[in-house]
Amino acid sequence: MTCAEYSFHVPSLEELVGVLQKGLKDNFADVQVSVVDCPDLTKQPFTFPVRGICGKTRIAEVGGVPYLMPLVNKTKVYDLNKIAKEIKLPGAFILGAGAGPFQTLGFNSEVIEVKAKRRTGKLNFVTCMRQTLENHYGDKPVGMGGTFVIQKGKVKSHIMPAEFSSCPLNSDEEVNKWLHFYEMKAPLVCLPVFVSRDPGFDLRLEHTHFFSHHGEGGHYHYDTTPDIVEYLGYFLPAEFLYRIDQPKETHSFGRD
């Protein structure tokens, strides 16, 4: 299994606070970004198995959408314990959306806290942060991960059908007809991973899954209640990217 290592540009937390504060204000009415001690994430609503998300942060992009479509490659099965060893972090706490999880040692230290309310722009919460980083840092890729809670409002989401598609999916339109879309309600605990710019590894630039304690979960697209939506998130920049088992043949659809 191939594995390439890449060092991200890692700004200080204080610098990222200023960059994100400015960018988010173009898309949300109320924004507050600051450096805080990481809250105890074993408590509600997060209920993670570790207290924090700090220590040797890295992103592992494993496989990719081309292994799912046009037709699924069922030989692509990954052991997360082996992945943790591959990225030189055995026993790591792994969180994030399936294809690009964020690994840490689970320490409790300082993180970036982001509060955003009432969306006024067209970008979703994650896309706004990612594009803000891209616009500011340009050709210096910055990767980030963490968690956020949608405290109020509803979101557009999707889940995959119970069975993989038996017919080839060759476009976003065909993929969307195959997926099941739903509107889901807060509170929702989200697990985002995003990279400001692809440094040449065929990355999915952003990917967010979520769960809840009321039985709803899936892939986050955007909030559908901009006038009342409230986000509360905790984030850290990743030090390294590990690109594992990158598909040799690729395409650009199925990545929304």
C-alpha atoms as a PDB file:
ATOM      1  CA  MET A   1       0.000   0.000   0.000  1.00  0.00           C
ATOM      2  CA  THR A   2       1.532   3.282  -1.117  1.00  0.00           C
ATOM      3  CA  CYS A   3       1.921   6.127   1.360  1.00  0.00           C
ATOM      4  CA  ALA A   4       3.214   9.637   0.623  1.00  0.00           C
ATOM      5  CA  GLU A   5       3.956  12.167   3.377  1.00  0.00           C
ATOM      6  CA  TYR A   6       3.547  15.934   2.967  1.00  0.00           C
ATOM      7  CA  SER A   7       4.211  18.762   5.437  1.00  0.00           C
ATOM      8  CA  PHE A   8       1.432  21.350   5.611  1.00  0.00           C
ATOM      9  CA  HIS A   9       2.000  25.040   6.186  1.00  0.00           C
ATOM     10  CA  VAL A  10       1.109  25.428   9.878  1.00  0.00           C
ATOM     11  CA  PRO A  11       0.249  28.996  10.947  1.00  0.00           C
ATOM     12  CA  SER A  12       0.046  29.851  14.632  1.00  0.00           C
ATOM     13  CA  LEU A  13      -3.345  29.590  16.299  1.00  0.00           C
ATOM     14  CA  GLU A  14      -3.331  33.342  16.904  1.00  0.00           C
ATOM     15  CA  GLU A  15      -2.737  34.028  13.205  1.00  0.00           C
ATOM     16  CA  LEU A  16      -5.508  31.637  12.170  1.00  0.00           C
ATOM     17  CA  VAL A  17      -7.922  33.373  14.544  1.00  0.00           C
ATOM     18  CA  GLY A  18      -7.508  36.654  12.680  1.00  0.00           C
ATOM     19  CA  VAL A  19      -7.746  35.055   9.245  1.00  0.00           C
ATOM     20  CA  LEU A  20     -10.887  33.052  10.052  1.00  0.00           C
ATOM     21  CA  GLN A  21     -12.570  35.923  11.882  1.00  0.00           C
ATOM     22  CA  LYS A  22     -12.242  38.155   8.830  1.00  0.00           C
ATOM     23  CA  GLY A  23     -13.379  35.515   6.338  1.00  0.00           C
ATOM     24  CA  LEU A  24     -16.354  34.245   8.325  1.00  0.00           C
ATOM     25  CA  LYS A  25     -17.721  37.772   8.833  1.00  0.00           C
ATOM     26  CA  ASP A  26     -18.335  37.940   5.090  1.00  0.00           C
ATOM     27  CA  ASN A  27     -20.698  34.960   5.387  1.00  0.00           C
ATOM     28  CA  PHE A  28     -22.249  35.157   8.880  1.00  0.00           C
ATOM     29  CA  ALA A  29     -23.873  37.988  10.834  1.00  0.00           C
ATOM     30  CA  ASP A  30     -22.306  37.107  14.185  1.00  0.00           C
ATOM     31  CA  VAL A  31     -18.773  35.672  14.374  1.00  0.00           C
ATOM     32  CA  GLN A  32     -16.399  35.127  17.277  1.00  0.00           C
ATOM     33  CA  VAL A  33     -13.076  33.290  16.813  1.00  0.00           C
ATOM     34  CA  SER A  34     -10.598  32.834  19.665  1.00  0.00           C
ATOM     35  CA  VAL A  35      -7.945  30.569  21.168  1.00  0.00           C
ATOM     36  CA  VAL A  36      -9.302  28.589  24.126  1.00  0.00           C
ATOM     37  CA  ASP A  37      -8.460  25.533  26.177  1.00  0.00           C
ATOM     38  CA  CYS A  38     -10.063  22.541  24.506  1.00  0.00           C
ATOM     39  CA  PRO A  39     -13.269  21.604  26.336  1.00  0.00           C
ATOM     40  CA  ASP A  40     -13.738  18.084  27.664  1.00  0.00           C
ATOM     41  CA  LEU A  41     -14.963  16.314  24.536  1.00  0.00           C
ATOM     42  CA  THR A  42     -15.976  13.196  26.452  1.00  0.00           C
ATOM     43  CA  LYS A  43     -19.005  15.168  27.658  1.00  0.00           C
ATOM     44  CA  GLN A  44     -22.254  16.005  25.858  1.00  0.00           C
ATOM     45  CA  PRO A  45     -22.875  16.716  23.078  1.00  0.00           C
ATOM     46  CA  PHE A  46     -19.593  15.313  21.722  1.00  0.00           C
ATOM     47  CA  THR A  47     -19.192  12.087  23.758  1.00  0.00           C
ATOM     48  CA  PHE A  48     -15.792  11.348  22.181  1.00  0.00           C
ATOM     49  CA  PRO A  49     -13.590   8.628  23.723  1.00  0.00           C
ATOM     50  CA  VAL A  50     -10.826  11.167  24.508  1.00  0.00           C
ATOM     51  CA  ARG A  51     -10.880  14.545  26.238  1.00  0.00           C
ATOM     52  CA  GLY A  52      -9.181  16.647  23.546  1.00  0.00           C
ATOM     53  CA  ILE A  53      -8.059  16.854  19.911  1.00  0.00           C
ATOM     54  CA  CYS A  54      -4.486  18.013  20.455  1.00  0.00           C
ATOM     55  CA  GLY A  55      -1.062  16.456  19.845  1.00  0.00           C
ATOM     56  CA  LYS A  56       0.681  15.518  16.577  1.00  0.00           C
ATOM     57  CA  THR A  57      -2.230  16.431  14.318  1.00  0.00           C
ATOM     58  CA  ARG A  58      -2.341  14.962  10.839  1.00  0.00           C
ATOM     59  CA  ILE A  59      -4.719  14.152   8.002  1.00  0.00           C
ATOM     60  CA  ALA A  60      -4.774  10.753   6.319  1.00  0.00           C
ATOM     61  CA  GLU A  61      -6.466  10.648   2.927  1.00  0.00           C
ATOM     62  CA  VAL A  62      -7.063   6.948   2.356  1.00  0.00           C
ATOM     63  CA  GLY A  63      -8.188   5.626  -1.015  1.00  0.00           C
ATOM     64  CA  GLY A  64     -10.616   7.929  -2.770  1.00  0.00           C
ATOM     65  CA  VAL A  65     -13.902   8.409  -4.591  1.00  0.00           C
ATOM     66  CA  PRO A  66     -12.627   6.529  -7.692  1.00  0.00           C
ATOM     67  CA  TYR A  67     -12.744   3.350  -5.575  1.00  0.00           C
ATOM     68  CA  LEU A  68     -16.488   3.919  -5.044  1.00  0.00           C
ATOM     69  CA  MET A  69     -17.625   5.059  -8.489  1.00  0.00           C
ATOM     70  CA  PRO A  70     -18.326   4.572 -11.345  1.00  0.00           C
ATOM     71  CA  LEU A  71     -18.453   1.098  -9.720  1.00  0.00           C
ATOM     72  CA  VAL A  72     -17.373   0.082  -6.235  1.00  0.00           C
ATOM     73  CA  ASN A  73     -14.073  -1.732  -5.745  1.00  0.00           C
ATOM     74  CA  LYS A  74     -14.892  -4.089  -2.867  1.00  0.00           C
ATOM     75  CA  THR A  75     -11.266  -5.146  -2.480  1.00  0.00           C
ATOM     76  CA  LYS A  76     -10.494  -1.745  -0.947  1.00  0.00           C
ATOM     77  CA  VAL A  77     -10.885  -2.482   2.757  1.00  0.00           C
ATOM     78  CA  TYR A  78      -8.736  -0.637   5.298  1.00  0.00           C
ATOM     79  CA  ASP A  79      -7.754  -1.439   8.886  1.00  0.00           C
ATOM     80  CA  LEU A  80      -7.636   1.786  10.915  1.00  0.00           C
ATOM     81  CA  ASN A  81      -5.125   0.288  13.336  1.00  0.00           C
ATOM     82  CA  LYS A  82      -2.766  -0.310  10.401  1.00  0.00           C
ATOM     83  CA  ILE A  83      -3.475   3.185   9.077  1.00  0.00           C
ATOM     84  CA  ALA A  84      -2.511   4.652  12.475  1.00  0.00           C
ATOM     85  CA  LYS A  85       0.817   2.800  12.317  1.00  0.00           C
ATOM     86  CA  GLU A  86       1.338   3.895   8.694  1.00  0.00           C
ATOM     87  CA  ILE A  87       1.119   7.544   9.732  1.00  0.00           C
ATOM     88  CA  LYS A  88       3.544   6.975  12.628  1.00  0.00           C
ATOM     89  CA  LEU A  89       0.883   7.425  15.292  1.00  0.00           C
ATOM     90  CA  PRO A  90      -0.097   3.974  16.603  1.00  0.00           C
ATOM     91  CA  GLY A  91      -3.020   4.135  18.988  1.00  0.00           C
ATOM     92  CA  ALA A  92      -4.119   7.534  17.663  1.00  0.00           C
ATOM     93  CA  PHE A  93      -7.565   9.025  18.167  1.00  0.00           C
ATOM     94  CA  ILE A  94      -9.090   9.114  14.681  1.00  0.00           C
ATOM     95  CA  LEU A  95     -12.063  11.291  13.772  1.00  0.00           C
ATOM     96  CA  GLY A  96     -13.539  12.702  10.603  1.00  0.00           C
ATOM     97  CA  ALA A  97     -15.417  11.682   7.480  1.00  0.00           C
ATOM     98  CA  GLY A  98     -14.594   8.269   6.055  1.00  0.00           C
ATOM     99  CA  ALA A  99     -12.198   9.127   3.236  1.00  0.00           C
ATOM    100  CA  GLY A 100     -10.060  11.697   5.049  1.00  0.00           C
ATOM    101  CA  PRO A 101      -9.880  11.315   8.816  1.00  0.00           C
ATOM    102  CA  PHE A 102      -8.011  13.594  11.208  1.00  0.00           C
ATOM    103  CA  GLN A 103      -5.640  11.929  13.686  1.00  0.00           C
ATOM    104  CA  THR A 104      -4.440  13.256  17.041  1.00  0.00           C
ATOM    105  CA  LEU A 105      -3.099  11.935  20.318  1.00  0.00           C
ATOM    106  CA  GLY A 106      -6.246  13.099  22.099  1.00  0.00           C
ATOM    107  CA  PHE A 107      -4.494  15.558  24.410  1.00  0.00           C
ATOM    108  CA  ASN A 108      -6.266  18.489  26.042  1.00  0.00           C
ATOM    109  CA  SER A 109      -4.569  21.766  25.077  1.00  0.00           C
ATOM    110  CA  GLU A 110      -5.375  24.990  23.224  1.00  0.00           C
ATOM    111  CA  VAL A 111      -7.622  24.974  20.164  1.00  0.00           C
ATOM    112  CA  ILE A 112      -9.371  27.483  17.922  1.00  0.00           C
ATOM    113  CA  GLU A 113     -12.960  28.071  18.978  1.00  0.00           C
ATOM    114  CA  VAL A 114     -15.313  29.321  16.268  1.00  0.00           C
ATOM    115  CA  LYS A 115     -18.796  30.666  16.919  1.00  0.00           C
ATOM    116  CA  ALA A 116     -20.904  31.679  13.920  1.00  0.00           C
ATOM    117  CA  LYS A 117     -24.584  32.598  13.783  1.00  0.00           C
ATOM    118  CA  ARG A 118     -27.089  33.593  11.101  1.00  0.00           C
ATOM    119  CA  ARG A 119     -25.629  32.830   7.687  1.00  0.00           C
ATOM    120  CA  THR A 120     -25.811  35.822   5.340  1.00  0.00           C
ATOM    121  CA  GLY A 121     -23.703  34.460   2.464  1.00  0.00           C
ATOM    122  CA  LYS A 122     -23.988  31.496   0.110  1.00  0.00           C
ATOM    123  CA  LEU A 123     -21.129  29.372   1.471  1.00  0.00           C
ATOM    124  CA  ASN A 124     -21.620  26.635   4.031  1.00  0.00           C
ATOM    125  CA  PHE A 125     -19.663  26.801   7.306  1.00  0.00           C
ATOM    126  CA  VAL A 126     -16.821  24.497   6.236  1.00  0.00           C
ATOM    127  CA  THR A 127     -16.478  25.857   2.698  1.00  0.00           C
ATOM    128  CA  CYS A 128     -16.303  29.393   4.061  1.00  0.00           C
ATOM    129  CA  MET A 129     -13.395  28.494   6.344  1.00  0.00           C
ATOM    130  CA  ARG A 130     -11.610  26.489   3.645  1.00  0.00           C
ATOM    131  CA  GLN A 131     -11.907  29.214   1.007  1.00  0.00           C
ATOM    132  CA  THR A 132     -10.830  31.817   3.550  1.00  0.00           C
ATOM    133  CA  LEU A 133      -7.627  29.859   4.139  1.00  0.00           C
ATOM    134  CA  GLU A 134      -7.088  29.369   0.404  1.00  0.00           C
ATOM    135  CA  ASN A 135      -7.541  33.082  -0.314  1.00  0.00           C
ATOM    136  CA  HIS A 136      -5.145  34.081   2.454  1.00  0.00           C
ATOM    137  CA  TYR A 137      -2.412  31.451   2.155  1.00  0.00           C
ATOM    138  CA  GLY A 138      -2.527  30.831  -1.598  1.00  0.00           C
ATOM    139  CA  ASP A 139      -0.037  28.171  -2.673  1.00  0.00           C
ATOM    140  CA  LYS A 140       0.813  27.252   0.947  1.00  0.00           C
ATOM    141  CA  PRO A 141      -1.648  24.422   1.693  1.00  0.00           C
ATOM    142  CA  VAL A 142      -3.186  24.479   5.170  1.00  0.00           C
ATOM    143  CA  GLY A 143      -5.078  21.461   6.505  1.00  0.00           C
ATOM    144  CA  MET A 144      -7.510  21.556   9.415  1.00  0.00           C
ATOM    145  CA  GLY A 145      -9.749  19.217  11.355  1.00  0.00           C
ATOM    146  CA  GLY A 146     -11.745  19.058  14.542  1.00  0.00           C
ATOM    147  CA  THR A 147     -15.405  19.117  15.425  1.00  0.00           C
ATOM    148  CA  PHE A 148     -18.357  21.475  15.435  1.00  0.00           C
ATOM    149  CA  VAL A 149     -21.929  21.396  16.661  1.00  0.00           C
ATOM    150  CA  ILE A 150     -24.887  22.769  14.759  1.00  0.00           C
ATOM    151  CA  GLN A 151     -26.755  24.083  17.794  1.00  0.00           C
ATOM    152  CA  LYS A 152     -29.816  25.490  16.048  1.00  0.00           C
ATOM    153  CA  GLY A 153     -31.379  24.996  12.638  1.00  0.00           C
ATOM    154  CA  LYS A 154     -31.557  22.267  10.021  1.00  0.00           C
ATOM    155  CA  VAL A 155     -29.182  20.981   7.337  1.00  0.00           C
ATOM    156  CA  LYS A 156     -29.314  19.284   3.958  1.00  0.00           C
ATOM    157  CA  SER A 157     -27.633  15.902   4.200  1.00  0.00           C
ATOM    158  CA  HIS A 158     -27.332  12.588   2.423  1.00  0.00           C
ATOM    159  CA  ILE A 159     -26.762   8.967   3.265  1.00  0.00           C
ATOM    160  CA  MET A 160     -25.753   6.181   0.897  1.00  0.00           C
ATOM    161  CA  PRO A 161     -28.237   3.446  -0.029  1.00  0.00           C
ATOM    162  CA  ALA A 162     -27.895   0.099   1.721  1.00  0.00           C
ATOM    163  CA  GLU A 163     -26.415  -1.446  -1.430  1.00  0.00           C
ATOM    164  CA  PHE A 164     -23.707  -0.158  -3.764  1.00  0.00           C
ATOM    165  CA  SER A 165     -24.887   0.850  -7.216  1.00  0.00           C
ATOM    166  CA  SER A 166     -24.899  -2.008  -9.731  1.00  0.00           C
ATOM    167  CA  CYS A 167     -24.995   0.516 -12.587  1.00  0.00           C
ATOM    168  CA  PRO A 168     -21.958   2.696 -13.295  1.00  0.00           C
ATOM    169  CA  LEU A 169     -22.245   6.240 -11.909  1.00  0.00           C
ATOM    170  CA  ASN A 170     -20.461   8.604 -14.282  1.00  0.00           C
ATOM    171  CA  SER A 171     -21.579  12.102 -13.264  1.00  0.00           C
ATOM    172  CA  ASP A 172     -22.676  14.167 -10.277  1.00  0.00           C
ATOM    173  CA  GLU A 173     -26.247  13.976 -11.572  1.00  0.00           C
ATOM    174  CA  GLU A 174     -26.185  10.173 -11.587  1.00  0.00           C
ATOM    175  CA  VAL A 175     -24.569  10.099  -8.140  1.00  0.00           C
ATOM    176  CA  ASN A 176     -27.234  12.417  -6.717  1.00  0.00           C
ATOM    177  CA  LYS A 177     -30.039  10.249  -8.102  1.00  0.00           C
ATOM    178  CA  TRP A 178     -28.492   7.256  -6.325  1.00  0.00           C
ATOM    179  CA  LEU A 179     -27.971   8.944  -2.936  1.00  0.00           C
ATOM    180  CA  HIS A 180     -30.765   9.552  -0.413  1.00  0.00           C
ATOM    181  CA  PHE A 181     -31.150  13.208   0.617  1.00  0.00           C
ATOM    182  CA  TYR A 182     -32.761  14.416   3.833  1.00  0.00           C
ATOM    183  CA  GLU A 183     -33.216  17.522   5.953  1.00  0.00           C
ATOM    184  CA  MET A 184     -31.973  16.880   9.498  1.00  0.00           C
ATOM    185  CA  LYS A 185     -32.348  18.956  12.643  1.00  0.00           C
ATOM    186  CA  ALA A 186     -30.018  20.259  15.335  1.00  0.00           C
ATOM    187  CA  PRO A 187     -28.236  19.488  17.537  1.00  0.00           C
ATOM    188  CA  LEU A 188     -25.792  17.712  15.215  1.00  0.00           C
ATOM    189  CA  VAL A 189     -22.171  16.838  16.053  1.00  0.00           C
ATOM    190  CA  CYS A 190     -20.017  17.252  12.945  1.00  0.00           C
ATOM    191  CA  LEU A 191     -16.563  15.877  12.098  1.00  0.00           C
ATOM    192  CA  PRO A 192     -14.938  18.009   9.381  1.00  0.00           C
ATOM    193  CA  VAL A 193     -11.635  17.706   7.551  1.00  0.00           C
ATOM    194  CA  PHE A 194     -10.615  20.381   5.052  1.00  0.00           C
ATOM    195  CA  VAL A 195      -7.544  21.431   3.076  1.00  0.00           C
ATOM    196  CA  SER A 196      -7.142  24.904   1.613  1.00  0.00           C
ATOM    197  CA  ARG A 197      -5.480  23.687  -1.593  1.00  0.00           C
ATOM    198  CA  ASP A 198      -4.554  20.304  -3.054  1.00  0.00           C
ATOM    199  CA  PRO A 199      -0.746  20.020  -3.192  1.00  0.00           C
ATOM    200  CA  GLY A 200      -1.015  17.398  -5.936  1.00  0.00           C
ATOM    201  CA  PHE A 201      -2.466  14.331  -4.195  1.00  0.00           C
ATOM    202  CA  ASP A 202      -5.982  14.195  -5.698  1.00  0.00           C
ATOM    203  CA  LEU A 203      -7.545  15.196  -2.382  1.00  0.00           C
ATOM    204  CA  ARG A 204     -11.149  15.671  -1.438  1.00  0.00           C
ATOM    205  CA  LEU A 205     -10.747  19.269  -0.260  1.00  0.00           C
ATOM    206  CA  GLU A 206     -13.488  19.115   2.354  1.00  0.00           C
ATOM    207  CA  HIS A 207     -15.571  16.340   3.852  1.00  0.00           C
ATOM    208  CA  THR A 208     -17.894  16.437   6.851  1.00  0.00           C
ATOM    209  CA  HIS A 209     -20.002  13.715   8.436  1.00  0.00           C
ATOM    210  CA  PHE A 210     -22.194  14.143  11.502  1.00  0.00           C
ATOM    211  CA  PHE A 211     -24.087  12.214  14.146  1.00  0.00           C
ATOM    212  CA  SER A 212     -26.651  13.080  16.792  1.00  0.00           C
ATOM    213  CA  HIS A 213     -28.171  11.734  19.973  1.00  0.00           C
ATOM    214  CA  HIS A 214     -31.657  11.739  18.435  1.00  0.00           C
ATOM    215  CA  GLY A 215     -30.971   9.194  15.693  1.00  0.00           C
ATOM    216  CA  GLU A 216     -30.005  11.379  12.733  1.00  0.00           C
ATOM    217  CA  GLY A 217     -26.660  11.381  10.937  1.00  0.00           C
ATOM    218  CA  GLY A 218     -25.067  11.598   7.511  1.00  0.00           C
ATOM    219  CA  HIS A 219     -22.973  13.770   5.205  1.00  0.00           C
ATOM    220  CA  TYR A 220     -23.217  17.542   5.753  1.00  0.00           C
ATOM    221  CA  HIS A 221     -23.944  19.752   2.727  1.00  0.00           C
ATOM    222  CA  TYR A 222     -25.205  23.082   4.113  1.00  0.00           C
ATOM    223  CA  ASP A 223     -27.706  24.544   6.538  1.00  0.00           C
ATOM    224  CA  THR A 224     -31.232  25.174   5.235  1.00  0.00           C
ATOM    225  CA  THR A 225     -32.209  27.683   7.946  1.00  0.00           C
ATOM    226  CA  PRO A 226     -29.731  30.545   7.528  1.00  0.00           C
ATOM    227  CA  ASP A 227     -31.730  33.012   9.652  1.00  0.00           C
ATOM    228  CA  ILE A 228     -31.454  30.933  12.827  1.00  0.00           C
ATOM    229  CA  VAL A 229     -28.474  28.613  12.333  1.00  0.00           C
ATOM    230  CA  GLU A 230     -25.789  28.551  15.026  1.00  0.00           C
ATOM    231  CA  TYR A 231     -22.392  26.836  14.796  1.00  0.00           C
ATOM    232  CA  LEU A 232     -19.897  26.160  17.592  1.00  0.00           C
ATOM    233  CA  GLY A 233     -16.625  24.518  16.589  1.00  0.00           C
ATOM    234  CA  TYR A 234     -13.161  23.556  17.813  1.00  0.00           C
ATOM    235  CA  PHE A 235     -10.351  23.205  15.282  1.00  0.00           C
ATOM    236  CA  LEU A 236      -6.615  22.700  14.886  1.00  0.00           C
ATOM    237  CA  PRO A 237      -4.261  22.875  11.899  1.00  0.00           C
ATOM    238  CA  ALA A 238      -2.765  19.572  10.765  1.00  0.00           C
ATOM    239  CA  GLU A 239       1.002  19.186  10.718  1.00  0.00           C
ATOM    240  CA  PHE A 240       1.179  16.464   8.060  1.00  0.00           C
ATOM    241  CA  LEU A 241      -0.797  14.874   5.253  1.00  0.00           C
ATOM    242  CA  TYR A 242      -0.459  11.154   4.610  1.00  0.00           C
ATOM    243  CA  ARG A 243      -1.791  10.128   1.195  1.00  0.00           C
ATOM    244  CA  ILE A 244      -2.442   6.395   1.377  1.00  0.00           C
ATOM    245  CA  ASP A 245      -3.363   4.123  -1.552  1.00  0.00           C
ATOM    246  CA  GLN A 246      -4.021   7.014  -3.937  1.00  0.00           C
ATOM    247  CA  PRO A 247      -6.051   5.872  -6.984  1.00  0.00           C
ATOM    248  CA  LYS A 248      -3.996   5.759 -10.170  1.00  0.00           C
ATOM    249  CA  GLU A 249      -7.022   6.630 -12.303  1.00  0.00           C
ATOM    250  CA  THR A 250      -9.237   9.450 -11.102  1.00  0.00           C
ATOM    251  CA  HIS A 251     -12.190  11.703 -11.926  1.00  0.00           C
ATOM    252  CA  SER A 252     -13.813  14.816 -10.450  1.00  0.00           C
ATOM    253  CA  PHE A 253     -17.422  13.806  -9.734  1.00  0.00           C
ATOM    254  CA  GLY A 254     -18.999  12.485  -6.538  1.00  0.00           C
ATOM    255  CA  ARG A 255     -17.089  14.865  -4.258  1.00  0.00           C
ATOM    256  CA  ASP A 256     -19.736  17.332  -3.134  1.00  0.00           C
END
